[in-house]
N, C-alpha and C. Protein backbone atom coordinates (compact mmCIF):
# COMPACT_ATOMS: atom_id res chain seq x y z
N MET A 1 82.39 110.37 116.40
CA MET A 1 82.36 111.22 117.61
C MET A 1 82.83 110.35 118.77
N PHE A 2 83.64 110.95 119.51
CA PHE A 2 84.19 110.36 120.69
C PHE A 2 83.87 111.07 121.95
N PHE A 3 83.77 110.52 123.06
CA PHE A 3 83.73 111.19 124.43
C PHE A 3 84.47 110.34 125.38
N TYR A 4 84.79 110.77 126.41
CA TYR A 4 85.48 110.35 127.53
C TYR A 4 84.51 109.86 128.58
N CYS A 5 84.79 108.71 129.13
CA CYS A 5 84.03 108.28 130.47
C CYS A 5 84.89 107.28 131.10
N SER A 6 84.53 106.95 132.42
CA SER A 6 85.17 105.93 133.20
C SER A 6 85.01 104.54 132.67
N SER A 7 85.88 103.67 133.21
CA SER A 7 85.59 102.29 132.84
C SER A 7 84.21 101.84 133.42
N GLU A 8 83.87 102.35 134.57
CA GLU A 8 82.69 101.93 135.16
C GLU A 8 81.53 102.43 134.53
N GLU A 9 81.50 103.79 133.92
CA GLU A 9 80.54 104.28 133.06
C GLU A 9 80.41 103.46 131.79
N LYS A 10 81.42 103.16 131.21
CA LYS A 10 81.35 102.40 130.00
C LYS A 10 80.69 101.05 130.14
N ALA A 11 81.01 100.44 131.31
CA ALA A 11 80.39 99.18 131.60
C ALA A 11 78.91 99.29 131.81
N LEU A 12 78.47 100.46 132.52
CA LEU A 12 76.95 100.76 132.65
C LEU A 12 76.34 101.03 131.40
N ILE A 13 76.95 101.68 130.54
CA ILE A 13 76.49 102.08 129.10
C ILE A 13 76.22 100.62 128.23
N ARG A 14 77.36 99.88 128.24
CA ARG A 14 77.28 98.70 127.54
C ARG A 14 76.18 97.75 128.15
N GLN A 15 76.11 97.79 129.42
CA GLN A 15 74.94 96.91 129.96
C GLN A 15 73.61 97.46 129.60
N ALA A 16 73.39 98.66 129.70
CA ALA A 16 72.16 99.30 129.31
C ALA A 16 71.73 99.07 127.97
N ALA A 17 72.58 99.14 127.13
CA ALA A 17 72.43 98.82 125.66
C ALA A 17 72.11 97.40 125.38
N ALA A 18 72.81 96.42 126.06
CA ALA A 18 72.44 95.00 125.84
C ALA A 18 71.15 94.62 126.53
N ASP A 19 70.76 95.50 127.55
CA ASP A 19 69.48 95.21 128.06
C ASP A 19 68.44 95.61 127.12
N ARG A 20 68.61 96.45 126.30
CA ARG A 20 67.73 97.11 125.25
C ARG A 20 67.73 96.32 124.02
N GLY A 21 68.75 95.49 123.96
CA GLY A 21 69.01 94.82 122.63
C GLY A 21 69.54 95.65 121.56
N LEU A 22 70.37 96.73 121.98
CA LEU A 22 70.87 97.52 121.02
C LEU A 22 72.41 97.57 121.21
N SER A 23 73.10 98.16 120.12
CA SER A 23 74.57 98.35 120.28
C SER A 23 74.66 99.70 121.14
N MET A 24 75.88 99.86 121.59
CA MET A 24 75.98 101.11 122.49
C MET A 24 75.84 102.35 121.62
N SER A 25 76.28 102.34 120.31
CA SER A 25 76.08 103.44 119.34
C SER A 25 74.59 103.69 119.12
N ALA A 26 73.87 102.71 118.96
CA ALA A 26 72.39 102.90 118.65
C ALA A 26 71.64 103.40 119.86
N MET A 27 71.96 102.90 121.07
CA MET A 27 71.34 103.45 122.28
C MET A 27 71.77 104.88 122.39
N LEU A 28 72.99 105.10 122.38
CA LEU A 28 73.50 106.66 122.59
C LEU A 28 72.84 107.55 121.49
N ARG A 29 72.71 107.15 120.32
CA ARG A 29 72.03 107.99 119.16
C ARG A 29 70.65 108.16 119.44
N GLN A 30 69.96 107.05 120.02
CA GLN A 30 68.46 107.15 120.37
C GLN A 30 68.31 108.21 121.61
N LEU A 31 69.11 108.05 122.53
CA LEU A 31 69.19 109.05 123.66
C LEU A 31 69.37 110.41 123.36
N ALA A 32 70.26 110.62 122.34
CA ALA A 32 70.73 112.05 121.95
C ALA A 32 69.54 112.56 121.03
N THR A 33 69.06 111.93 120.19
CA THR A 33 68.21 112.38 119.22
C THR A 33 66.71 112.05 119.43
N GLY A 34 66.42 111.19 120.14
CA GLY A 34 65.07 110.72 120.49
C GLY A 34 64.45 109.92 119.29
N ALA A 35 65.21 109.66 118.31
CA ALA A 35 64.72 108.79 117.22
C ALA A 35 64.77 107.28 117.67
N ALA A 36 63.72 106.56 117.13
CA ALA A 36 63.61 105.24 117.33
C ALA A 36 64.78 104.41 116.76
N PRO A 37 65.38 103.62 117.38
CA PRO A 37 66.47 102.72 116.77
C PRO A 37 66.03 101.87 115.70
N LYS A 38 66.88 101.70 114.72
CA LYS A 38 66.69 100.75 113.53
C LYS A 38 67.15 99.35 114.08
N ARG A 39 66.26 98.47 114.04
CA ARG A 39 66.55 97.14 114.48
C ARG A 39 67.24 96.33 113.37
N ARG A 40 68.34 95.73 113.69
CA ARG A 40 69.04 94.99 112.61
C ARG A 40 68.29 93.52 112.61
N LYS A 41 68.34 93.03 111.41
CA LYS A 41 67.83 91.63 111.17
C LYS A 41 68.93 90.81 111.71
N PRO A 42 68.39 89.75 112.45
CA PRO A 42 69.36 88.80 113.09
C PRO A 42 70.15 87.96 111.94
N ALA A 43 71.30 87.88 112.08
CA ALA A 43 72.07 86.89 111.15
C ALA A 43 71.47 85.62 111.08
N PRO A 44 71.32 85.02 109.98
CA PRO A 44 70.70 83.67 109.92
C PRO A 44 71.72 82.64 110.48
N ARG A 45 71.13 81.65 111.08
CA ARG A 45 72.03 80.53 111.49
C ARG A 45 72.41 79.64 110.32
N VAL A 46 73.80 79.41 110.33
CA VAL A 46 74.22 78.47 109.15
C VAL A 46 74.88 77.31 109.64
N ASP A 47 74.72 76.22 109.00
CA ASP A 47 75.17 74.93 109.30
C ASP A 47 76.83 75.13 109.29
N PRO A 48 77.53 74.62 110.30
CA PRO A 48 78.94 74.91 110.39
C PRO A 48 79.49 73.97 109.27
N ALA A 49 79.01 72.91 108.91
CA ALA A 49 79.50 72.01 107.78
C ALA A 49 79.48 72.94 106.43
N LEU A 50 78.36 73.63 106.29
CA LEU A 50 78.33 74.41 105.04
C LEU A 50 79.50 75.50 104.98
N VAL A 51 79.66 76.15 106.22
CA VAL A 51 80.72 77.20 106.31
C VAL A 51 82.04 76.57 105.93
N LEU A 52 82.37 75.40 106.54
CA LEU A 52 83.69 74.74 106.23
C LEU A 52 83.78 74.35 104.77
N ALA A 53 82.72 73.77 104.19
CA ALA A 53 82.85 73.46 102.80
C ALA A 53 82.97 74.58 101.80
N VAL A 54 82.33 75.75 102.12
CA VAL A 54 82.42 77.00 101.19
C VAL A 54 83.78 77.53 101.56
N SER A 55 84.36 77.49 102.87
CA SER A 55 85.60 78.19 102.92
C SER A 55 86.82 77.35 102.24
N ARG A 56 86.66 75.96 102.14
CA ARG A 56 87.66 75.32 101.52
C ARG A 56 87.55 75.67 99.98
N TYR A 57 86.36 75.74 99.34
CA TYR A 57 86.34 76.19 97.97
C TYR A 57 86.88 77.52 97.76
N GLY A 58 86.51 78.43 98.85
CA GLY A 58 87.02 79.77 98.80
C GLY A 58 88.64 79.90 98.83
N GLY A 59 89.03 78.93 99.54
CA GLY A 59 90.69 78.96 99.49
C GLY A 59 91.17 78.51 98.10
N ASN A 60 90.46 77.53 97.44
CA ASN A 60 90.91 77.22 96.17
C ASN A 60 90.90 78.34 95.15
N LEU A 61 89.64 79.05 95.37
CA LEU A 61 89.63 80.23 94.40
C LEU A 61 90.58 81.16 94.63
N ASN A 62 90.96 81.39 95.88
CA ASN A 62 91.97 82.37 96.18
C ASN A 62 93.35 81.88 95.51
N GLN A 63 93.66 80.63 95.69
CA GLN A 63 94.91 79.95 95.12
C GLN A 63 94.95 80.30 93.64
N ILE A 64 93.83 80.01 92.89
CA ILE A 64 93.72 80.15 91.37
C ILE A 64 93.88 81.75 91.01
N ALA A 65 93.29 82.54 91.76
CA ALA A 65 93.34 83.94 91.41
C ALA A 65 94.74 84.44 91.72
N ARG A 66 95.46 83.87 92.75
CA ARG A 66 96.87 84.39 93.01
C ARG A 66 97.71 83.90 91.73
N TRP A 67 97.44 82.61 91.44
CA TRP A 67 98.32 82.17 90.32
C TRP A 67 98.05 82.98 89.11
N LEU A 68 96.82 83.34 88.82
CA LEU A 68 96.45 83.84 87.60
C LEU A 68 97.09 85.26 87.50
N ASN A 69 96.95 86.09 88.69
CA ASN A 69 97.54 87.35 88.80
C ASN A 69 99.00 87.39 88.56
N THR A 70 99.73 86.30 89.20
CA THR A 70 101.23 86.16 89.20
C THR A 70 101.62 85.83 87.65
N ALA A 71 100.88 84.95 87.06
CA ALA A 71 101.28 84.53 85.76
C ALA A 71 100.94 85.76 84.78
N THR A 72 99.97 86.48 84.93
CA THR A 72 99.62 87.60 84.11
C THR A 72 100.73 88.66 84.07
N ARG A 73 101.09 88.86 85.43
CA ARG A 73 102.12 90.10 85.60
C ARG A 73 103.50 89.40 85.03
N ALA A 74 103.77 88.34 84.99
CA ALA A 74 104.99 87.69 84.50
C ALA A 74 104.90 87.37 82.78
N GLY A 75 103.79 87.63 82.35
CA GLY A 75 103.55 87.53 80.97
C GLY A 75 103.47 85.90 80.51
N ARG A 76 103.15 85.08 81.57
CA ARG A 76 103.07 83.77 81.28
C ARG A 76 101.64 83.11 81.14
N ALA A 77 100.68 83.84 81.06
CA ALA A 77 99.33 83.43 81.09
C ALA A 77 98.87 83.26 79.57
N CYS A 78 99.20 82.12 79.12
CA CYS A 78 98.87 81.80 77.63
C CYS A 78 97.43 81.30 77.62
N GLU A 79 96.85 81.17 76.46
CA GLU A 79 95.51 80.79 76.33
C GLU A 79 95.23 79.41 76.86
N VAL A 80 96.16 78.52 76.71
CA VAL A 80 96.04 77.12 77.18
C VAL A 80 95.90 77.01 78.64
N GLU A 81 96.70 77.88 79.31
CA GLU A 81 96.76 77.84 80.80
C GLU A 81 95.44 78.55 81.25
N ALA A 82 94.91 79.61 80.42
CA ALA A 82 93.88 80.25 80.85
C ALA A 82 92.55 79.39 80.76
N LEU A 83 92.56 78.43 79.83
CA LEU A 83 91.51 77.46 79.67
C LEU A 83 91.52 76.40 80.87
N HIS A 84 92.68 76.05 81.40
CA HIS A 84 92.79 75.20 82.59
C HIS A 84 92.20 75.89 83.68
N VAL A 85 92.54 77.17 84.04
CA VAL A 85 91.94 77.95 84.93
C VAL A 85 90.45 78.09 84.88
N ALA A 86 90.04 78.37 83.72
CA ALA A 86 88.53 78.55 83.52
C ALA A 86 87.88 77.22 83.85
N ALA A 87 88.45 76.18 83.39
CA ALA A 87 87.74 74.80 83.68
C ALA A 87 87.70 74.58 85.15
N ALA A 88 88.92 74.90 85.93
CA ALA A 88 88.94 74.72 87.44
C ALA A 88 87.81 75.52 88.07
N LEU A 89 87.66 76.79 87.64
CA LEU A 89 86.68 77.76 88.13
C LEU A 89 85.32 77.19 87.89
N VAL A 90 85.00 76.71 86.79
CA VAL A 90 83.60 76.13 86.49
C VAL A 90 83.34 74.96 87.52
N GLY A 91 84.42 74.03 87.59
CA GLY A 91 84.25 72.98 88.53
C GLY A 91 83.94 73.50 89.91
N ILE A 92 84.73 74.41 90.36
CA ILE A 92 84.40 74.92 91.71
C ILE A 92 83.07 75.47 91.85
N GLU A 93 82.63 76.19 90.77
CA GLU A 93 81.38 76.87 90.84
C GLU A 93 80.27 75.97 90.99
N ARG A 94 80.41 74.77 90.14
CA ARG A 94 79.46 73.65 90.34
C ARG A 94 79.36 72.98 91.57
N ARG A 95 80.40 72.63 92.16
CA ARG A 95 80.54 72.02 93.43
C ARG A 95 80.00 72.99 94.48
N LEU A 96 80.26 74.35 94.49
CA LEU A 96 79.57 75.22 95.41
C LEU A 96 78.10 75.10 95.32
N ALA A 97 77.58 75.05 94.04
CA ALA A 97 76.11 75.13 93.88
C ALA A 97 75.55 73.92 94.42
N GLU A 98 76.29 72.68 94.35
CA GLU A 98 75.79 71.51 94.82
C GLU A 98 75.76 71.63 96.38
N ILE A 99 76.74 72.07 96.96
CA ILE A 99 76.92 72.23 98.35
C ILE A 99 75.71 73.16 99.05
N LEU A 100 75.43 74.26 98.29
CA LEU A 100 74.47 75.22 98.81
C LEU A 100 73.08 74.41 98.54
N ALA A 101 72.90 73.74 97.47
CA ALA A 101 71.57 73.09 97.34
C ALA A 101 71.22 72.09 98.39
N GLN A 102 72.41 71.41 98.85
CA GLN A 102 72.23 70.38 99.95
C GLN A 102 71.88 70.94 101.27
N HIS A 103 72.24 72.30 101.44
CA HIS A 103 72.05 72.90 102.83
C HIS A 103 70.81 73.98 102.73
N ARG A 104 70.26 74.08 101.41
CA ARG A 104 69.24 75.07 101.35
C ARG A 104 67.80 74.56 102.03
N ARG A 105 67.35 75.31 102.83
CA ARG A 105 66.09 74.95 103.61
C ARG A 105 64.83 75.19 102.64
N PRO A 106 63.89 74.24 102.79
CA PRO A 106 62.74 74.50 102.05
C PRO A 106 61.98 75.70 102.50
N PRO A 107 61.21 76.46 101.51
CA PRO A 107 60.51 77.59 102.14
C PRO A 107 59.40 77.34 103.08
N ARG A 108 59.20 78.18 104.10
CA ARG A 108 58.36 77.94 105.11
C ARG A 108 56.92 78.24 104.62
N CYS A 109 55.97 77.63 105.31
CA CYS A 109 54.56 77.78 104.94
C CYS A 109 53.94 78.68 105.57
């Protein structure tokens, strides 16, 4: 659904939504229907070092997947190469598990 408004009106709507802790869509939906807005769960805070480490391994996974797709299309993915790829994937999986275990928080009491 779209509607037209001036830049000033849009700024007022945006500020009103922010003051209520809602998105513009949620606030307008609430005003139009009278239904209570559904509150989103806040995104968990994540250690930037964890994000960096996981993204590095994600890049490795992407390179392996690209190689595997290219080799398969070209008919070059023999069983020996597939074993090397599988071993690399297992190594990455283990390292990711170690990284996540290091950053996992103990349960709250």
